[in-house]
Amino acid sequence: VVLVSCSILAVWKVTQFRVRREGLVSNFQSAVKDYKELDSEEKRTI
């Protein structure tokens, strides 16, 4: 029962992250842009 539940969760997460990827893609692309536009040591520390 434990392994079946964890397997179903894993299938659901992999499928959702693949099918509904727009939100993750937008956030990761924004993160890359944030690192490229880093302009102060204070922001870098945060």
PDB file of all heavy atoms in Angstrom:
ATOM      1  N   VAL A   1       0.836  -1.206   0.000  1.00  0.00           N
ATOM      2  CA  VAL A   1       0.000   0.000   0.000  1.00  0.00           C
ATOM      3  C   VAL A   1       0.870   1.256   0.000  1.00  0.00           C
ATOM      4  O   VAL A   1       0.615   2.214  -0.740  1.00  0.00           O
ATOM      5  CB  VAL A   1      -0.950  -0.004   1.221  1.00  0.00           C
ATOM      6  CG1 VAL A   1      -1.614   1.354   1.400  1.00  0.00           C
ATOM      7  CG2 VAL A   1      -2.009  -1.074   1.055  1.00  0.00           C
ATOM      8  N   VAL A   2       1.914   1.253   0.814  1.00  0.00           N
ATOM      9  CA  VAL A   2       2.822   2.407   0.881  1.00  0.00           C
ATOM     10  C   VAL A   2       3.504   2.626  -0.465  1.00  0.00           C
ATOM     11  O   VAL A   2       3.554   3.749  -0.991  1.00  0.00           O
ATOM     12  CB  VAL A   2       3.865   2.202   1.992  1.00  0.00           C
ATOM     13  CG1 VAL A   2       4.915   3.308   1.950  1.00  0.00           C
ATOM     14  CG2 VAL A   2       3.195   2.173   3.359  1.00  0.00           C
ATOM     15  N   LEU A   3       4.044   1.552  -1.048  1.00  0.00           N
ATOM     16  CA  LEU A   3       4.763   1.689  -2.320  1.00  0.00           C
ATOM     17  C   LEU A   3       3.825   2.058  -3.463  1.00  0.00           C
ATOM     18  O   LEU A   3       4.207   2.822  -4.354  1.00  0.00           O
ATOM     19  CB  LEU A   3       5.493   0.376  -2.632  1.00  0.00           C
ATOM     20  CG  LEU A   3       6.682   0.053  -1.721  1.00  0.00           C
ATOM     21  CD1 LEU A   3       7.245  -1.325  -2.044  1.00  0.00           C
ATOM     22  CD2 LEU A   3       7.775   1.106  -1.865  1.00  0.00           C
ATOM     23  N   VAL A   4       2.613   1.508  -3.440  1.00  0.00           N
ATOM     24  CA  VAL A   4       1.640   1.863  -4.490  1.00  0.00           C
ATOM     25  C   VAL A   4       1.294   3.348  -4.414  1.00  0.00           C
ATOM     26  O   VAL A   4       1.265   4.050  -5.431  1.00  0.00           O
ATOM     27  CB  VAL A   4       0.373   0.989  -4.366  1.00  0.00           C
ATOM     28  CG1 VAL A   4      -0.771   1.577  -5.191  1.00  0.00           C
ATOM     29  CG2 VAL A   4       0.649  -0.434  -4.831  1.00  0.00           C
ATOM     30  N   SER A   5       1.046   3.847  -3.216  1.00  0.00           N
ATOM     31  CA  SER A   5       0.711   5.271  -3.057  1.00  0.00           C
ATOM     32  C   SER A   5       1.852   6.165  -3.511  1.00  0.00           C
ATOM     33  O   SER A   5       1.646   7.157  -4.221  1.00  0.00           O
ATOM     34  CB  SER A   5       0.361   5.555  -1.597  1.00  0.00           C
ATOM     35  OG  SER A   5      -0.734   4.785  -1.176  1.00  0.00           O
ATOM     36  N   CYS A   6       3.083   5.805  -3.112  1.00  0.00           N
ATOM     37  CA  CYS A   6       4.240   6.611  -3.515  1.00  0.00           C
ATOM     38  C   CYS A   6       4.466   6.540  -5.021  1.00  0.00           C
ATOM     39  O   CYS A   6       4.854   7.532  -5.650  1.00  0.00           O
ATOM     40  CB  CYS A   6       5.486   6.140  -2.770  1.00  0.00           C
ATOM     41  SG  CYS A   6       5.439   6.436  -0.993  1.00  0.00           S
ATOM     42  N   SER A   7       4.217   5.381  -5.615  1.00  0.00           N
ATOM     43  CA  SER A   7       4.378   5.243  -7.073  1.00  0.00           C
ATOM     44  C   SER A   7       3.347   6.083  -7.822  1.00  0.00           C
ATOM     45  O   SER A   7       3.679   6.739  -8.817  1.00  0.00           O
ATOM     46  CB  SER A   7       4.257   3.772  -7.479  1.00  0.00           C
ATOM     47  OG  SER A   7       5.251   2.977  -6.869  1.00  0.00           O
ATOM     48  N   ILE A   8       2.118   6.072  -7.347  1.00  0.00           N
ATOM     49  CA  ILE A   8       1.072   6.884  -7.990  1.00  0.00           C
ATOM     50  C   ILE A   8       1.422   8.365  -7.889  1.00  0.00           C
ATOM     51  O   ILE A   8       1.265   9.131  -8.860  1.00  0.00           O
ATOM     52  CB  ILE A   8      -0.293   6.589  -7.354  1.00  0.00           C
ATOM     53  CG1 ILE A   8      -0.734   5.160  -7.681  1.00  0.00           C
ATOM     54  CG2 ILE A   8      -1.344   7.582  -7.828  1.00  0.00           C
ATOM     55  CD1 ILE A   8      -2.002   4.735  -6.976  1.00  0.00           C
ATOM     56  N   LEU A   9       1.902   8.781  -6.716  1.00  0.00           N
ATOM     57  CA  LEU A   9       2.325  10.172  -6.557  1.00  0.00           C
ATOM     58  C   LEU A   9       3.459  10.527  -7.514  1.00  0.00           C
ATOM     59  O   LEU A   9       3.470  11.608  -8.112  1.00  0.00           O
ATOM     60  CB  LEU A   9       2.773  10.421  -5.119  1.00  0.00           C
ATOM     61  CG  LEU A   9       1.708  10.849  -4.115  1.00  0.00           C
ATOM     62  CD1 LEU A   9       2.314  10.955  -2.723  1.00  0.00           C
ATOM     63  CD2 LEU A   9       1.081  12.174  -4.515  1.00  0.00           C
ATOM     64  N   ALA A  10       4.427   9.613  -7.643  1.00  0.00           N
ATOM     65  CA  ALA A  10       5.552   9.868  -8.543  1.00  0.00           C
ATOM     66  C   ALA A  10       5.089   9.995  -9.988  1.00  0.00           C
ATOM     67  O   ALA A  10       5.530  10.897 -10.720  1.00  0.00           O
ATOM     68  CB  ALA A  10       6.589   8.759  -8.407  1.00  0.00           C
ATOM     69  N   VAL A  11       4.207   9.099 -10.424  1.00  0.00           N
ATOM     70  CA  VAL A  11       3.674   9.173 -11.796  1.00  0.00           C
ATOM     71  C   VAL A  11       2.934  10.486 -12.007  1.00  0.00           C
ATOM     72  O   VAL A  11       3.102  11.165 -13.039  1.00  0.00           O
ATOM     73  CB  VAL A  11       2.741   7.978 -12.075  1.00  0.00           C
ATOM     74  CG1 VAL A  11       2.016   8.160 -13.408  1.00  0.00           C
ATOM     75  CG2 VAL A  11       3.536   6.678 -12.105  1.00  0.00           C
ATOM     76  N   TRP A  12       2.132  10.880 -11.028  1.00  0.00           N
ATOM     77  CA  TRP A  12       1.343  12.106 -11.149  1.00  0.00           C
ATOM     78  C   TRP A  12       2.237  13.337 -11.226  1.00  0.00           C
ATOM     79  O   TRP A  12       1.993  14.249 -12.022  1.00  0.00           O
ATOM     80  CB  TRP A  12       0.378  12.196  -9.978  1.00  0.00           C
ATOM     81  CG  TRP A  12      -0.567  13.354 -10.026  1.00  0.00           C
ATOM     82  CD1 TRP A  12      -0.639  14.413  -9.186  1.00  0.00           C
ATOM     83  CD2 TRP A  12      -1.607  13.569 -10.998  1.00  0.00           C
ATOM     84  NE1 TRP A  12      -1.635  15.278  -9.544  1.00  0.00           N
ATOM     85  CE2 TRP A  12      -2.247  14.789 -10.657  1.00  0.00           C
ATOM     86  CE3 TRP A  12      -2.045  12.851 -12.103  1.00  0.00           C
ATOM     87  CZ2 TRP A  12      -3.305  15.299 -11.395  1.00  0.00           C
ATOM     88  CZ3 TRP A  12      -3.103  13.368 -12.843  1.00  0.00           C
ATOM     89  CH2 TRP A  12      -3.717  14.575 -12.483  1.00  0.00           C
ATOM     90  N   LYS A  13       3.283  13.383 -10.397  1.00  0.00           N
ATOM     91  CA  LYS A  13       4.170  14.544 -10.386  1.00  0.00           C
ATOM     92  C   LYS A  13       4.978  14.639 -11.681  1.00  0.00           C
ATOM     93  O   LYS A  13       5.121  15.725 -12.254  1.00  0.00           O
ATOM     94  CB  LYS A  13       5.112  14.472  -9.183  1.00  0.00           C
ATOM     95  CG  LYS A  13       4.412  14.732  -7.861  1.00  0.00           C
ATOM     96  CD  LYS A  13       5.356  14.620  -6.682  1.00  0.00           C
ATOM     97  CE  LYS A  13       4.607  14.850  -5.374  1.00  0.00           C
ATOM     98  NZ  LYS A  13       5.483  14.737  -4.193  1.00  0.00           N
ATOM     99  N   VAL A  14       5.517  13.520 -12.138  1.00  0.00           N
ATOM    100  CA  VAL A  14       6.285  13.544 -13.393  1.00  0.00           C
ATOM    101  C   VAL A  14       5.390  13.961 -14.551  1.00  0.00           C
ATOM    102  O   VAL A  14       5.780  14.778 -15.404  1.00  0.00           O
ATOM    103  CB  VAL A  14       6.919  12.163 -13.655  1.00  0.00           C
ATOM    104  CG1 VAL A  14       7.529  12.108 -15.048  1.00  0.00           C
ATOM    105  CG2 VAL A  14       7.994  11.863 -12.607  1.00  0.00           C
ATOM    106  N   THR A  15       4.177  13.435 -14.573  1.00  0.00           N
ATOM    107  CA  THR A  15       3.241  13.771 -15.663  1.00  0.00           C
ATOM    108  C   THR A  15       2.832  15.236 -15.606  1.00  0.00           C
ATOM    109  O   THR A  15       2.827  15.935 -16.631  1.00  0.00           O
ATOM    110  CB  THR A  15       1.996  12.881 -15.576  1.00  0.00           C
ATOM    111  OG1 THR A  15       2.387  11.499 -15.604  1.00  0.00           O
ATOM    112  CG2 THR A  15       1.071  13.143 -16.753  1.00  0.00           C
ATOM    113  N   GLN A  16       2.494  15.728 -14.411  1.00  0.00           N
ATOM    114  CA  GLN A  16       2.071  17.118 -14.279  1.00  0.00           C
ATOM    115  C   GLN A  16       3.202  18.086 -14.577  1.00  0.00           C
ATOM    116  O   GLN A  16       2.998  19.111 -15.233  1.00  0.00           O
ATOM    117  CB  GLN A  16       1.545  17.365 -12.861  1.00  0.00           C
ATOM    118  CG  GLN A  16       0.198  16.733 -12.583  1.00  0.00           C
ATOM    119  CD  GLN A  16      -0.917  17.361 -13.392  1.00  0.00           C
ATOM    120  OE1 GLN A  16      -1.334  16.827 -14.414  1.00  0.00           O
ATOM    121  NE2 GLN A  16      -1.396  18.492 -12.944  1.00  0.00           N
ATOM    122  N   PHE A  17       4.401  17.793 -14.108  1.00  0.00           N
ATOM    123  CA  PHE A  17       5.539  18.672 -14.394  1.00  0.00           C
ATOM    124  C   PHE A  17       5.879  18.670 -15.880  1.00  0.00           C
ATOM    125  O   PHE A  17       6.491  19.620 -16.373  1.00  0.00           O
ATOM    126  CB  PHE A  17       6.755  18.238 -13.589  1.00  0.00           C
ATOM    127  CG  PHE A  17       6.754  18.732 -12.167  1.00  0.00           C
ATOM    128  CD1 PHE A  17       5.595  19.214 -11.584  1.00  0.00           C
ATOM    129  CD2 PHE A  17       7.902  18.711 -11.400  1.00  0.00           C
ATOM    130  CE1 PHE A  17       5.577  19.665 -10.270  1.00  0.00           C
ATOM    131  CE2 PHE A  17       7.911  19.163 -10.090  1.00  0.00           C
ATOM    132  CZ  PHE A  17       6.732  19.641  -9.525  1.00  0.00           C
ATOM    133  N   ARG A  18       5.511  17.614 -16.566  1.00  0.00           N
ATOM    134  CA  ARG A  18       5.771  17.544 -18.005  1.00  0.00           C
ATOM    135  C   ARG A  18       4.643  18.216 -18.801  1.00  0.00           C
ATOM    136  O   ARG A  18       4.912  18.993 -19.724  1.00  0.00           O
ATOM    137  CB  ARG A  18       5.896  16.076 -18.418  1.00  0.00           C
ATOM    138  CG  ARG A  18       6.082  15.844 -19.903  1.00  0.00           C
ATOM    139  CD  ARG A  18       7.507  16.089 -20.331  1.00  0.00           C
ATOM    140  NE  ARG A  18       7.612  16.095 -21.787  1.00  0.00           N
ATOM    141  CZ  ARG A  18       8.752  16.110 -22.443  1.00  0.00           C
ATOM    142  NH1 ARG A  18       9.890  16.132 -21.776  1.00  0.00           N
ATOM    143  NH2 ARG A  18       8.790  16.128 -23.758  1.00  0.00           N
ATOM    144  N   VAL A  19       3.392  17.935 -18.434  1.00  0.00           N
ATOM    145  CA  VAL A  19       2.249  18.448 -19.203  1.00  0.00           C
ATOM    146  C   VAL A  19       1.988  19.920 -18.863  1.00  0.00           C
ATOM    147  O   VAL A  19       1.828  20.755 -19.758  1.00  0.00           O
ATOM    148  CB  VAL A  19       1.006  17.582 -18.923  1.00  0.00           C
ATOM    149  CG1 VAL A  19      -0.223  18.179 -19.614  1.00  0.00           C
ATOM    150  CG2 VAL A  19       1.231  16.160 -19.406  1.00  0.00           C
ATOM    151  N   ARG A  20       1.971  20.228 -17.576  1.00  0.00           N
ATOM    152  CA  ARG A  20       1.690  21.607 -17.153  1.00  0.00           C
ATOM    153  C   ARG A  20       3.002  22.288 -16.771  1.00  0.00           C
ATOM    154  O   ARG A  20       3.217  22.683 -15.619  1.00  0.00           O
ATOM    155  CB  ARG A  20       0.711  21.602 -15.977  1.00  0.00           C
ATOM    156  CG  ARG A  20      -0.579  20.850 -16.259  1.00  0.00           C
ATOM    157  CD  ARG A  20      -1.525  20.897 -15.092  1.00  0.00           C
ATOM    158  NE  ARG A  20      -1.965  22.259 -14.829  1.00  0.00           N
ATOM    159  CZ  ARG A  20      -2.835  22.576 -13.870  1.00  0.00           C
ATOM    160  NH1 ARG A  20      -3.337  21.639 -13.098  1.00  0.00           N
ATOM    161  NH2 ARG A  20      -3.179  23.830 -13.679  1.00  0.00           N
ATOM    162  N   ARG A  21       3.856  22.416 -17.736  1.00  0.00           N
ATOM    163  CA  ARG A  21       5.215  22.910 -17.478  1.00  0.00           C
ATOM    164  C   ARG A  21       5.355  24.417 -17.638  1.00  0.00           C
ATOM    165  O   ARG A  21       6.425  24.964 -17.339  1.00  0.00           O
ATOM    166  CB  ARG A  21       6.193  22.230 -18.438  1.00  0.00           C
ATOM    167  CG  ARG A  21       5.895  22.457 -19.913  1.00  0.00           C
ATOM    168  CD  ARG A  21       6.908  21.757 -20.793  1.00  0.00           C
ATOM    169  NE  ARG A  21       6.675  21.983 -22.205  1.00  0.00           N
ATOM    170  CZ  ARG A  21       5.981  21.163 -22.984  1.00  0.00           C
ATOM    171  NH1 ARG A  21       5.440  20.070 -22.462  1.00  0.00           N
ATOM    172  NH2 ARG A  21       5.810  21.424 -24.273  1.00  0.00           N
ATOM    173  N   GLU A  22       4.319  25.107 -18.097  1.00  0.00           N
ATOM    174  CA  GLU A  22       4.470  26.529 -18.405  1.00  0.00           C
ATOM    175  C   GLU A  22       4.881  27.334 -17.183  1.00  0.00           C
ATOM    176  O   GLU A  22       5.743  28.219 -17.261  1.00  0.00           O
ATOM    177  CB  GLU A  22       3.155  27.083 -18.979  1.00  0.00           C
ATOM    178  CG  GLU A  22       2.783  26.580 -20.365  1.00  0.00           C
ATOM    179  CD  GLU A  22       2.143  25.208 -20.318  1.00  0.00           C
ATOM    180  OE1 GLU A  22       1.828  24.738 -19.190  1.00  0.00           O
ATOM    181  OE2 GLU A  22       1.944  24.584 -21.382  1.00  0.00           O
ATOM    182  N   GLY A  23       4.258  27.039 -16.027  1.00  0.00           N
ATOM    183  CA  GLY A  23       4.594  27.789 -14.831  1.00  0.00           C
ATOM    184  C   GLY A  23       6.030  27.581 -14.392  1.00  0.00           C
ATOM    185  O   GLY A  23       6.737  28.538 -14.042  1.00  0.00           O
ATOM    186  N   LEU A  24       6.501  26.328 -14.431  1.00  0.00           N
ATOM    187  CA  LEU A  24       7.880  26.048 -14.051  1.00  0.00           C
ATOM    188  C   LEU A  24       8.862  26.651 -15.041  1.00  0.00           C
ATOM    189  O   LEU A  24       9.895  27.204 -14.651  1.00  0.00           O
ATOM    190  CB  LEU A  24       8.094  24.532 -13.955  1.00  0.00           C
ATOM    191  CG  LEU A  24       7.482  23.824 -12.743  1.00  0.00           C
ATOM    192  CD1 LEU A  24       7.677  22.321 -12.856  1.00  0.00           C
ATOM    193  CD2 LEU A  24       8.096  24.338 -11.451  1.00  0.00           C
ATOM    194  N   VAL A  25       8.560  26.545 -16.331  1.00  0.00           N
ATOM    195  CA  VAL A  25       9.453  27.097 -17.348  1.00  0.00           C
ATOM    196  C   VAL A  25       9.582  28.605 -17.189  1.00  0.00           C
ATOM    197  O   VAL A  25      10.688  29.167 -17.236  1.00  0.00           O
ATOM    198  CB  VAL A  25       8.948  26.732 -18.760  1.00  0.00           C
ATOM    199  CG1 VAL A  25       9.747  27.474 -19.818  1.00  0.00           C
ATOM    200  CG2 VAL A  25       9.052  25.226 -18.999  1.00  0.00           C
ATOM    201  N   SER A  26       8.463  29.283 -16.969  1.00  0.00           N
ATOM    202  CA  SER A  26       8.501  30.741 -16.797  1.00  0.00           C
ATOM    203  C   SER A  26       9.322  31.130 -15.575  1.00  0.00           C
ATOM    204  O   SER A  26      10.125  32.081 -15.620  1.00  0.00           O
ATOM    205  CB  SER A  26       7.079  31.297 -16.660  1.00  0.00           C
ATOM    206  OG  SER A  26       6.316  31.037 -17.826  1.00  0.00           O
ATOM    207  N   ASN A  27       9.145  30.409 -14.480  1.00  0.00           N
ATOM    208  CA  ASN A  27       9.883  30.724 -13.258  1.00  0.00           C
ATOM    209  C   ASN A  27      11.368  30.457 -13.407  1.00  0.00           C
ATOM    210  O   ASN A  27      12.201  31.253 -12.953  1.00  0.00           O
ATOM    211  CB  ASN A  27       9.314  29.916 -12.091  1.00  0.00           C
ATOM    212  CG  ASN A  27       8.139  30.589 -11.422  1.00  0.00           C
ATOM    213  OD1 ASN A  27       8.299  31.348 -10.472  1.00  0.00           O
ATOM    214  ND2 ASN A  27       6.952  30.323 -11.935  1.00  0.00           N
ATOM    215  N   PHE A  28      11.746  29.350 -14.045  1.00  0.00           N
ATOM    216  CA  PHE A  28      13.162  29.043 -14.217  1.00  0.00           C
ATOM    217  C   PHE A  28      13.825  30.002 -15.199  1.00  0.00           C
ATOM    218  O   PHE A  28      14.971  30.407 -15.001  1.00  0.00           O
ATOM    219  CB  PHE A  28      13.337  27.590 -14.668  1.00  0.00           C
ATOM    220  CG  PHE A  28      13.424  26.614 -13.537  1.00  0.00           C
ATOM    221  CD1 PHE A  28      12.286  26.062 -12.990  1.00  0.00           C
ATOM    222  CD2 PHE A  28      14.652  26.258 -12.998  1.00  0.00           C
ATOM    223  CE1 PHE A  28      12.353  25.161 -11.934  1.00  0.00           C
ATOM    224  CE2 PHE A  28      14.744  25.367 -11.945  1.00  0.00           C
ATOM    225  CZ  PHE A  28      13.589  24.814 -11.413  1.00  0.00           C
ATOM    226  N   GLN A  29      13.121  30.368 -16.260  1.00  0.00           N
ATOM    227  CA  GLN A  29      13.683  31.348 -17.187  1.00  0.00           C
ATOM    228  C   GLN A  29      13.857  32.699 -16.508  1.00  0.00           C
ATOM    229  O   GLN A  29      14.864  33.397 -16.738  1.00  0.00           O
ATOM    230  CB  GLN A  29      12.774  31.471 -18.409  1.00  0.00           C
ATOM    231  CG  GLN A  29      12.809  30.254 -19.323  1.00  0.00           C
ATOM    232  CD  GLN A  29      11.851  30.366 -20.488  1.00  0.00           C
ATOM    233  OE1 GLN A  29      10.951  31.223 -20.494  1.00  0.00           O
ATOM    234  NE2 GLN A  29      12.005  29.510 -21.483  1.00  0.00           N
ATOM    235  N   SER A  30      12.910  33.071 -15.669  1.00  0.00           N
ATOM    236  CA  SER A  30      13.046  34.320 -14.920  1.00  0.00           C
ATOM    237  C   SER A  30      14.215  34.244 -13.941  1.00  0.00           C
ATOM    238  O   SER A  30      14.929  35.231 -13.735  1.00  0.00           O
ATOM    239  CB  SER A  30      11.746  34.604 -14.162  1.00  0.00           C
ATOM    240  OG  SER A  30      11.856  35.756 -13.371  1.00  0.00           O
ATOM    241  N   ALA A  31      14.439  33.059 -13.351  1.00  0.00           N
ATOM    242  CA  ALA A  31      15.558  32.894 -12.423  1.00  0.00           C
ATOM    243  C   ALA A  31      16.895  33.064 -13.134  1.00  0.00           C
ATOM    244  O   ALA A  31      17.818  33.715 -12.620  1.00  0.00           O
ATOM    245  CB  ALA A  31      15.476  31.522 -11.757  1.00  0.00           C
ATOM    246  N   VAL A  32      17.021  32.483 -14.324  1.00  0.00           N
ATOM    247  CA  VAL A  32      18.257  32.640 -15.098  1.00  0.00           C
ATOM    248  C   VAL A  32      18.495  34.109 -15.431  1.00  0.00           C
ATOM    249  O   VAL A  32      19.621  34.617 -15.339  1.00  0.00           O
ATOM    250  CB  VAL A  32      18.184  31.786 -16.383  1.00  0.00           C
ATOM    251  CG1 VAL A  32      19.387  32.069 -17.279  1.00  0.00           C
ATOM    252  CG2 VAL A  32      18.135  30.308 -16.032  1.00  0.00           C
ATOM    253  N   LYS A  33      17.429  34.811 -15.801  1.00  0.00           N
ATOM    254  CA  LYS A  33      17.544  36.235 -16.100  1.00  0.00           C
ATOM    255  C   LYS A  33      17.952  37.027 -14.865  1.00  0.00           C
ATOM    256  O   LYS A  33      18.756  37.968 -14.950  1.00  0.00           O
ATOM    257  CB  LYS A  33      16.206  36.751 -16.642  1.00  0.00           C
ATOM    258  CG  LYS A  33      16.232  38.206 -17.077  1.00  0.00           C
ATOM    259  CD  LYS A  33      14.869  38.628 -17.614  1.00  0.00           C
ATOM    260  CE  LYS A  33      14.879  40.091 -18.016  1.00  0.00           C
ATOM    261  NZ  LYS A  33      13.544  40.530 -18.512  1.00  0.00           N
ATOM    262  N   ASP A  34      17.415  36.646 -13.710  1.00  0.00           N
ATOM    263  CA  ASP A  34      17.774  37.342 -12.462  1.00  0.00           C
ATOM    264  C   ASP A  34      19.265  37.205 -12.173  1.00  0.00           C
ATOM    265  O   ASP A  34      19.914  38.174 -11.745  1.00  0.00           O
ATOM    266  CB  ASP A  34      16.966  36.778 -11.295  1.00  0.00           C
ATOM    267  CG  ASP A  34      15.487  37.079 -11.417  1.00  0.00           C
ATOM    268  OD1 ASP A  34      15.134  38.057 -12.101  1.00  0.00           O
ATOM    269  OD2 ASP A  34      14.675  36.317 -10.846  1.00  0.00           O
ATOM    270  N   TYR A  35      19.807  36.033 -12.392  1.00  0.00           N
ATOM    271  CA  TYR A  35      21.238  35.840 -12.131  1.00  0.00           C
ATOM    272  C   TYR A  35      22.086  36.620 -13.139  1.00  0.00           C
ATOM    273  O   TYR A  35      23.153  37.147 -12.789  1.00  0.00           O
ATOM    274  CB  TYR A  35      21.588  34.353 -12.184  1.00  0.00           C
ATOM    275  CG  TYR A  35      21.298  33.625 -10.896  1.00  0.00           C
ATOM    276  CD1 TYR A  35      20.161  32.836 -10.769  1.00  0.00           C
ATOM    277  CD2 TYR A  35      22.150  33.727  -9.799  1.00  0.00           C
ATOM    278  CE1 TYR A  35      19.887  32.163  -9.583  1.00  0.00           C
ATOM    279  CE2 TYR A  35      21.886  33.061  -8.618  1.00  0.00           C
ATOM    280  CZ  TYR A  35      20.746  32.279  -8.509  1.00  0.00           C
ATOM    281  OH  TYR A  35      20.491  31.623  -7.325  1.00  0.00           O
ATOM    282  N   LYS A  36      21.631  36.698 -14.367  1.00  0.00           N
ATOM    283  CA  LYS A  36      22.390  37.445 -15.377  1.00  0.00           C
ATOM    284  C   LYS A  36      22.376  38.944 -15.104  1.00  0.00           C
ATOM    285  O   LYS A  36      23.326  39.652 -15.450  1.00  0.00           O
ATOM    286  CB  LYS A  36      21.820  37.171 -16.772  1.00  0.00           C
ATOM    287  CG  LYS A  36      22.089  35.756 -17.282  1.00  0.00           C
ATOM    288  CD  LYS A  36      21.519  35.566 -18.671  1.00  0.00           C
ATOM    289  CE  LYS A  36      21.821  34.163 -19.211  1.00  0.00           C
ATOM    290  NZ  LYS A  36      21.250  33.948 -20.563  1.00  0.00           N
ATOM    291  N   GLU A  37      21.293  39.436 -14.505  1.00  0.00           N
ATOM    292  CA  GLU A  37      21.163  40.875 -14.237  1.00  0.00           C
ATOM    293  C   GLU A  37      21.619  41.257 -12.842  1.00  0.00           C
ATOM    294  O   GLU A  37      21.375  42.378 -12.397  1.00  0.00           O
ATOM    295  CB  GLU A  37      19.705  41.297 -14.441  1.00  0.00           C
ATOM    296  CG  GLU A  37      19.229  41.136 -15.886  1.00  0.00           C
ATOM    297  CD  GLU A  37      17.762  41.486 -16.048  1.00  0.00           C
ATOM    298  OE1 GLU A  37      17.092  41.699 -15.004  1.00  0.00           O
ATOM    299  OE2 GLU A  37      17.286  41.538 -17.197  1.00  0.00           O
ATOM    300  N   LEU A  38      22.277  40.356 -12.144  1.00  0.00           N
ATOM    301  CA  LEU A  38      22.752  40.637 -10.795  1.00  0.00           C
ATOM    302  C   LEU A  38      23.788  41.758 -10.824  1.00  0.00           C
ATOM    303  O   LEU A  38      24.775  41.688 -11.560  1.00  0.00           O
ATOM    304  CB  LEU A  38      23.366  39.357 -10.212  1.00  0.00           C
ATOM    305  CG  LEU A  38      23.574  39.289  -8.705  1.00  0.00           C
ATOM    306  CD1 LEU A  38      22.249  39.473  -7.970  1.00  0.00           C
ATOM    307  CD2 LEU A  38      24.195  37.948  -8.333  1.00  0.00           C
ATOM    308  N   ASP A  39      23.565  42.833 -10.022  1.00  0.00           N
ATOM    309  CA  ASP A  39      24.413  44.024 -10.131  1.00  0.00           C
ATOM    310  C   ASP A  39      24.960  44.539  -8.804  1.00  0.00           C
ATOM    311  O   ASP A  39      25.558  45.618  -8.754  1.00  0.00           O
ATOM    312  CB  ASP A  39      23.629  45.153 -10.812  1.00  0.00           C
ATOM    313  CG  ASP A  39      22.341  45.486 -10.082  1.00  0.00           C
ATOM    314  OD1 ASP A  39      22.058  44.851  -9.040  1.00  0.00           O
ATOM    315  OD2 ASP A  39      21.612  46.376 -10.554  1.00  0.00           O
ATOM    316  N   SER A  40      24.779  43.793  -7.720  1.00  0.00           N
ATOM    317  CA  SER A  40      25.322  44.250  -6.438  1.00  0.00           C
ATOM    318  C   SER A  40      25.636  43.052  -5.554  1.00  0.00           C
ATOM    319  O   SER A  40      25.012  41.997  -5.667  1.00  0.00           O
ATOM    320  CB  SER A  40      24.339  45.189  -5.729  1.00  0.00           C
ATOM    321  OG  SER A  40      23.223  44.485  -5.261  1.00  0.00           O
ATOM    322  N   GLU A  41      26.595  43.257  -4.674  1.00  0.00           N
ATOM    323  CA  GLU A  41      26.997  42.181  -3.769  1.00  0.00           C
ATOM    324  C   GLU A  41      25.912  41.889  -2.740  1.00  0.00           C
ATOM    325  O   GLU A  41      25.764  40.749  -2.296  1.00  0.00           O
ATOM    326  CB  GLU A  41      28.303  42.585  -3.058  1.00  0.00           C
ATOM    327  CG  GLU A  41      28.933  41.470  -2.259  1.00  0.00           C
ATOM    328  CD  GLU A  41      29.393  40.313  -3.123  1.00  0.00           C
ATOM    329  OE1 GLU A  41      29.700  40.541  -4.316  1.00  0.00           O
ATOM    330  OE2 GLU A  41      29.430  39.176  -2.590  1.00  0.00           O
ATOM    331  N   GLU A  42      25.146  42.898  -2.395  1.00  0.00           N
ATOM    332  CA  GLU A  42      24.074  42.712  -1.418  1.00  0.00           C
ATOM    333  C   GLU A  42      22.993  41.787  -1.972  1.00  0.00           C
ATOM    334  O   GLU A  42      22.519  40.876  -1.280  1.00  0.00           O
ATOM    335  CB  GLU A  42      23.473  44.070  -1.050  1.00  0.00           C
ATOM    336  CG  GLU A  42      22.584  44.029   0.173  1.00  0.00           C
ATOM    337  CD  GLU A  42      22.162  45.418   0.611  1.00  0.00           C
ATOM    338  OE1 GLU A  42      22.339  46.378  -0.183  1.00  0.00           O
ATOM    339  OE2 GLU A  42      21.666  45.556   1.743  1.00  0.00           O
ATOM    340  N   LYS A  43      22.615  42.006  -3.227  1.00  0.00           N
ATOM    341  CA  LYS A  43      21.634  41.124  -3.859  1.00  0.00           C
ATOM    342  C   LYS A  43      22.197  39.716  -4.038  1.00  0.00           C
ATOM    343  O   LYS A  43      21.484  38.719  -3.880  1.00  0.00           O
ATOM    344  CB  LYS A  43      21.219  41.693  -5.220  1.00  0.00           C
ATOM    345  CG  LYS A  43      20.462  42.995  -5.148  1.00  0.00           C
ATOM    346  CD  LYS A  43      20.087  43.472  -6.537  1.00  0.00           C
ATOM    347  CE  LYS A  43      19.342  44.800  -6.489  1.00  0.00           C
ATOM    348  NZ  LYS A  43      18.999  45.288  -7.845  1.00  0.00           N
ATOM    349  N   ARG A  44      23.465  39.646  -4.381  1.00  0.00           N
ATOM    350  CA  ARG A  44      24.103  38.342  -4.559  1.00  0.00           C
ATOM    351  C   ARG A  44      24.073  37.537  -3.258  1.00  0.00           C
ATOM    352  O   ARG A  44      23.831  36.323  -3.272  1.00  0.00           O
ATOM    353  CB  ARG A  44      25.550  38.528  -5.024  1.00  0.00           C
ATOM    354  CG  ARG A  44      26.300  37.219  -5.197  1.00  0.00           C
ATOM    355  CD  ARG A  44      27.707  37.464  -5.720  1.00  0.00           C
ATOM    356  NE  ARG A  44      28.413  36.204  -5.867  1.00  0.00           N
ATOM    357  CZ  ARG A  44      29.187  35.647  -4.928  1.00  0.00           C
ATOM    358  NH1 ARG A  44      29.367  36.289  -3.779  1.00  0.00           N
ATOM    359  NH2 ARG A  44      29.770  34.495  -5.135  1.00  0.00           N
ATOM    360  N   THR A  45      24.287  38.205  -2.134  1.00  0.00           N
ATOM    361  CA  THR A  45      24.249  37.518  -0.840  1.00  0.00           C
ATOM    362  C   THR A  45      22.866  36.950  -0.557  1.00  0.00           C
ATOM    363  O   THR A  45      22.725  35.817  -0.081  1.00  0.00           O
ATOM    364  CB  THR A  45      24.662  38.489   0.279  1.00  0.00           C
ATOM    365  OG1 THR A  45      25.975  39.001   0.007  1.00  0.00           O
ATOM    366  CG2 THR A  45      24.655  37.803   1.624  1.00  0.00           C
ATOM    367  N   ILE A  46      21.840  37.735  -0.879  1.00  0.00           N
ATOM    368  CA  ILE A  46      20.462  37.268  -0.658  1.00  0.00           C
ATOM    369  C   ILE A  46      20.151  36.058  -1.532  1.00  0.00           C
ATOM    370  O   ILE A  46      19.590  35.051  -1.058  1.00  0.00           O
ATOM    371  CB  ILE A  46      19.467  38.411  -0.939  1.00  0.00           C
ATOM    372  CG1 ILE A  46      19.637  39.527   0.095  1.00  0.00           C
ATOM    373  CG2 ILE A  46      18.039  37.899  -0.920  1.00  0.00           C
ATOM    374  CD1 ILE A  46      18.795  40.761  -0.180  1.00  0.00           C
TER     375      ILE A  46
END
